[in-house]
Amino acid sequence: MPSFFIGGFGTATWAPLVPLLRERLMVGDDVLGMLLLCIGVGSLLTMPLSGALAMRLGCRRVVMTASILFAAILLLVSCVDALSLAVPIVLIFGAVMGLHRRRGQHRRRTGGKRALGGAS
């Protein structure tokens, strides 16, 4: 349950950073849109890997790592001041969001257990 709070809180914290990021990078709507698209791309790239990571390392370990990375990347997003740094940071931010969100789907499908048996 706390992991859902962390994911929701992190996403809610990201939303007010969008205008700040636009102002700091001095970009137009088109570039900001592409930057926001990086979140989705990063997330989509990570989601297929999250199930395998959960199977190999266990859901708890994946969630804890993703939660810590989520907070660290959110801090980096709030401090970035160059577009060349913003793109990879936002891609990684999306990737961590994908890890964090996909984990909940994996647990629901397997009933909180690893797909091959045993508790996570």
C-alpha atoms as a PDB file:
ATOM      1  CA  MET A   1       0.000   0.000   0.000  1.00  0.00           C
ATOM      2  CA  PRO A   2       2.759   2.566   0.744  1.00  0.00           C
ATOM      3  CA  SER A   3       4.154   1.962  -2.743  1.00  0.00           C
ATOM      4  CA  PHE A   4       0.900   3.231  -4.255  1.00  0.00           C
ATOM      5  CA  PHE A   5       1.267   6.350  -2.135  1.00  0.00           C
ATOM      6  CA  ILE A   6       4.824   6.842  -3.341  1.00  0.00           C
ATOM      7  CA  GLY A   7       3.803   6.443  -6.989  1.00  0.00           C
ATOM      8  CA  GLY A   8       0.841   8.785  -6.643  1.00  0.00           C
ATOM      9  CA  PHE A   9       2.762  11.345  -4.625  1.00  0.00           C
ATOM     10  CA  GLY A  10       5.650  11.295  -7.093  1.00  0.00           C
ATOM     11  CA  THR A  11       3.334  11.780 -10.045  1.00  0.00           C
ATOM     12  CA  ALA A  12       1.461  14.559  -8.239  1.00  0.00           C
ATOM     13  CA  THR A  13       4.770  16.215  -7.406  1.00  0.00           C
ATOM     14  CA  TRP A  14       5.846  16.011 -11.047  1.00  0.00           C
ATOM     15  CA  ALA A  15       2.808  17.923 -12.352  1.00  0.00           C
ATOM     16  CA  PRO A  16       3.710  21.323 -10.824  1.00  0.00           C
ATOM     17  CA  LEU A  17       7.279  20.917 -12.073  1.00  0.00           C
ATOM     18  CA  VAL A  18       6.181  21.022 -15.724  1.00  0.00           C
ATOM     19  CA  PRO A  19       5.756  24.848 -15.881  1.00  0.00           C
ATOM     20  CA  LEU A  20       8.962  25.280 -13.880  1.00  0.00           C
ATOM     21  CA  LEU A  21      10.828  23.026 -16.278  1.00  0.00           C
ATOM     22  CA  ARG A  22       9.434  24.912 -19.279  1.00  0.00           C
ATOM     23  CA  GLU A  23      10.503  28.241 -17.826  1.00  0.00           C
ATOM     24  CA  ARG A  24      13.934  27.038 -16.785  1.00  0.00           C
ATOM     25  CA  LEU A  25      14.679  25.427 -20.158  1.00  0.00           C
ATOM     26  CA  MET A  26      13.077  28.301 -22.090  1.00  0.00           C
ATOM     27  CA  VAL A  27      11.341  25.961 -24.553  1.00  0.00           C
ATOM     28  CA  GLY A  28       8.124  26.253 -26.526  1.00  0.00           C
ATOM     29  CA  ASP A  29       5.067  24.038 -26.460  1.00  0.00           C
ATOM     30  CA  ASP A  30       6.431  21.748 -29.169  1.00  0.00           C
ATOM     31  CA  VAL A  31       9.669  20.963 -27.318  1.00  0.00           C
ATOM     32  CA  LEU A  32       7.846  20.624 -24.001  1.00  0.00           C
ATOM     33  CA  GLY A  33       5.437  18.171 -25.634  1.00  0.00           C
ATOM     34  CA  MET A  34       8.316  16.070 -26.910  1.00  0.00           C
ATOM     35  CA  LEU A  35       9.926  16.197 -23.486  1.00  0.00           C
ATOM     36  CA  LEU A  36       6.699  14.963 -21.902  1.00  0.00           C
ATOM     37  CA  LEU A  37       6.562  12.221 -24.518  1.00  0.00           C
ATOM     38  CA  CYS A  38       9.912  11.016 -23.156  1.00  0.00           C
ATOM     39  CA  ILE A  39       8.108   9.982 -19.961  1.00  0.00           C
ATOM     40  CA  GLY A  40       5.831   7.650 -21.907  1.00  0.00           C
ATOM     41  CA  VAL A  41       8.679   6.282 -24.010  1.00  0.00           C
ATOM     42  CA  GLY A  42      10.806   5.570 -20.948  1.00  0.00           C
ATOM     43  CA  SER A  43       7.878   3.931 -19.218  1.00  0.00           C
ATOM     44  CA  LEU A  44       7.036   1.736 -22.216  1.00  0.00           C
ATOM     45  CA  LEU A  45      10.643   0.633 -22.538  1.00  0.00           C
ATOM     46  CA  THR A  46      10.804  -0.453 -18.912  1.00  0.00           C
ATOM     47  CA  MET A  47       7.447  -2.169 -18.453  1.00  0.00           C
ATOM     48  CA  PRO A  48       8.376  -5.399 -20.268  1.00  0.00           C
ATOM     49  CA  LEU A  49      11.487  -5.698 -18.101  1.00  0.00           C
ATOM     50  CA  SER A  50       9.703  -5.122 -14.806  1.00  0.00           C
ATOM     51  CA  GLY A  51       7.965  -8.488 -14.814  1.00  0.00           C
ATOM     52  CA  ALA A  52      11.263 -10.276 -15.378  1.00  0.00           C
ATOM     53  CA  LEU A  53      12.915  -8.210 -12.633  1.00  0.00           C
ATOM     54  CA  ALA A  54      10.075  -9.007 -10.235  1.00  0.00           C
ATOM     55  CA  MET A  55      10.404 -12.703 -11.030  1.00  0.00           C
ATOM     56  CA  ARG A  56      14.154 -12.675 -10.555  1.00  0.00           C
ATOM     57  CA  LEU A  57      14.582 -10.273  -7.631  1.00  0.00           C
ATOM     58  CA  GLY A  58      11.146 -10.271  -6.029  1.00  0.00           C
ATOM     59  CA  CYS A  59       8.499  -7.568  -6.098  1.00  0.00           C
ATOM     60  CA  ARG A  60       9.559  -6.002  -2.815  1.00  0.00           C
ATOM     61  CA  ARG A  61      13.132  -5.400  -3.948  1.00  0.00           C
ATOM     62  CA  VAL A  62      12.004  -3.972  -7.287  1.00  0.00           C
ATOM     63  CA  VAL A  63       9.483  -1.661  -5.601  1.00  0.00           C
ATOM     64  CA  MET A  64      11.960  -0.418  -3.007  1.00  0.00           C
ATOM     65  CA  THR A  65      14.610   0.285  -5.639  1.00  0.00           C
ATOM     66  CA  ALA A  66      12.097   1.956  -7.951  1.00  0.00           C
ATOM     67  CA  SER A  67      10.775   4.095  -5.081  1.00  0.00           C
ATOM     68  CA  ILE A  68      14.237   5.334  -4.144  1.00  0.00           C
ATOM     69  CA  LEU A  69      15.103   6.012  -7.777  1.00  0.00           C
ATOM     70  CA  PHE A  70      11.740   7.743  -8.243  1.00  0.00           C
ATOM     71  CA  ALA A  71      12.542  10.231  -5.474  1.00  0.00           C
ATOM     72  CA  ALA A  72      16.116  10.795  -6.683  1.00  0.00           C
ATOM     73  CA  ILE A  73      15.103  11.348 -10.302  1.00  0.00           C
ATOM     74  CA  LEU A  74      12.300  13.683  -9.220  1.00  0.00           C
ATOM     75  CA  LEU A  75      14.902  15.785  -7.435  1.00  0.00           C
ATOM     76  CA  LEU A  76      17.071  15.814 -10.566  1.00  0.00           C
ATOM     77  CA  VAL A  77      14.097  16.871 -12.700  1.00  0.00           C
ATOM     78  CA  SER A  78      13.480  19.827 -10.408  1.00  0.00           C
ATOM     79  CA  CYS A  79      17.105  20.970 -10.729  1.00  0.00           C
ATOM     80  CA  VAL A  80      17.812  20.447 -14.437  1.00  0.00           C
ATOM     81  CA  ASP A  81      18.578  23.583 -16.437  1.00  0.00           C
ATOM     82  CA  ALA A  82      19.695  22.315 -19.860  1.00  0.00           C
ATOM     83  CA  LEU A  83      17.649  20.498 -22.482  1.00  0.00           C
ATOM     84  CA  SER A  84      20.531  18.111 -23.196  1.00  0.00           C
ATOM     85  CA  LEU A  85      20.325  16.961 -19.559  1.00  0.00           C
ATOM     86  CA  ALA A  86      16.545  17.109 -19.333  1.00  0.00           C
ATOM     87  CA  VAL A  87      15.905  14.542 -22.073  1.00  0.00           C
ATOM     88  CA  PRO A  88      17.807  11.610 -20.512  1.00  0.00           C
ATOM     89  CA  ILE A  89      16.622  12.528 -17.005  1.00  0.00           C
ATOM     90  CA  VAL A  90      12.985  12.601 -18.099  1.00  0.00           C
ATOM     91  CA  LEU A  91      13.466   9.318 -20.003  1.00  0.00           C
ATOM     92  CA  ILE A  92      14.855   7.723 -16.835  1.00  0.00           C
ATOM     93  CA  PHE A  93      12.018   9.276 -14.822  1.00  0.00           C
ATOM     94  CA  GLY A  94       9.519   7.615 -17.159  1.00  0.00           C
ATOM     95  CA  ALA A  95      11.414   4.336 -16.958  1.00  0.00           C
ATOM     96  CA  VAL A  96      11.253   4.358 -13.169  1.00  0.00           C
ATOM     97  CA  MET A  97       7.544   5.211 -13.338  1.00  0.00           C
ATOM     98  CA  GLY A  98       7.102   2.176 -15.588  1.00  0.00           C
ATOM     99  CA  LEU A  99       8.894  -0.057 -13.116  1.00  0.00           C
ATOM    100  CA  HIS A 100       6.868   1.272 -10.246  1.00  0.00           C
ATOM    101  CA  ARG A 101       3.473   1.030 -11.918  1.00  0.00           C
ATOM    102  CA  ARG A 102       3.947  -2.295 -13.657  1.00  0.00           C
ATOM    103  CA  ARG A 103       4.804  -3.919 -10.357  1.00  0.00           C
ATOM    104  CA  GLY A 104       1.213  -3.530  -9.160  1.00  0.00           C
ATOM    105  CA  GLN A 105      -0.081  -5.308 -12.251  1.00  0.00           C
ATOM    106  CA  HIS A 106       2.375  -8.171 -11.751  1.00  0.00           C
ATOM    107  CA  ARG A 107       1.251  -8.695  -8.155  1.00  0.00           C
ATOM    108  CA  ARG A 108      -2.434  -8.661  -9.086  1.00  0.00           C
ATOM    109  CA  ARG A 109      -1.924 -11.265 -11.814  1.00  0.00           C
ATOM    110  CA  THR A 110       0.021 -13.631  -9.610  1.00  0.00           C
ATOM    111  CA  GLY A 111      -1.926 -13.066  -6.394  1.00  0.00           C
ATOM    112  CA  GLY A 112       1.066 -11.514  -4.641  1.00  0.00           C
ATOM    113  CA  LYS A 113       3.250 -14.555  -5.345  1.00  0.00           C
ATOM    114  CA  ARG A 114       5.936 -15.186  -7.837  1.00  0.00           C
ATOM    115  CA  ALA A 115       4.566 -16.662 -11.040  1.00  0.00           C
ATOM    116  CA  LEU A 116       6.718 -19.777 -10.677  1.00  0.00           C
ATOM    117  CA  GLY A 117       5.726 -20.357  -7.059  1.00  0.00           C
ATOM    118  CA  GLY A 118       6.882 -19.111  -3.693  1.00  0.00           C
ATOM    119  CA  ALA A 119       6.176 -15.863  -1.914  1.00  0.00           C
ATOM    120  CA  SER A 120       7.755 -12.629  -3.082  1.00  0.00           C
END
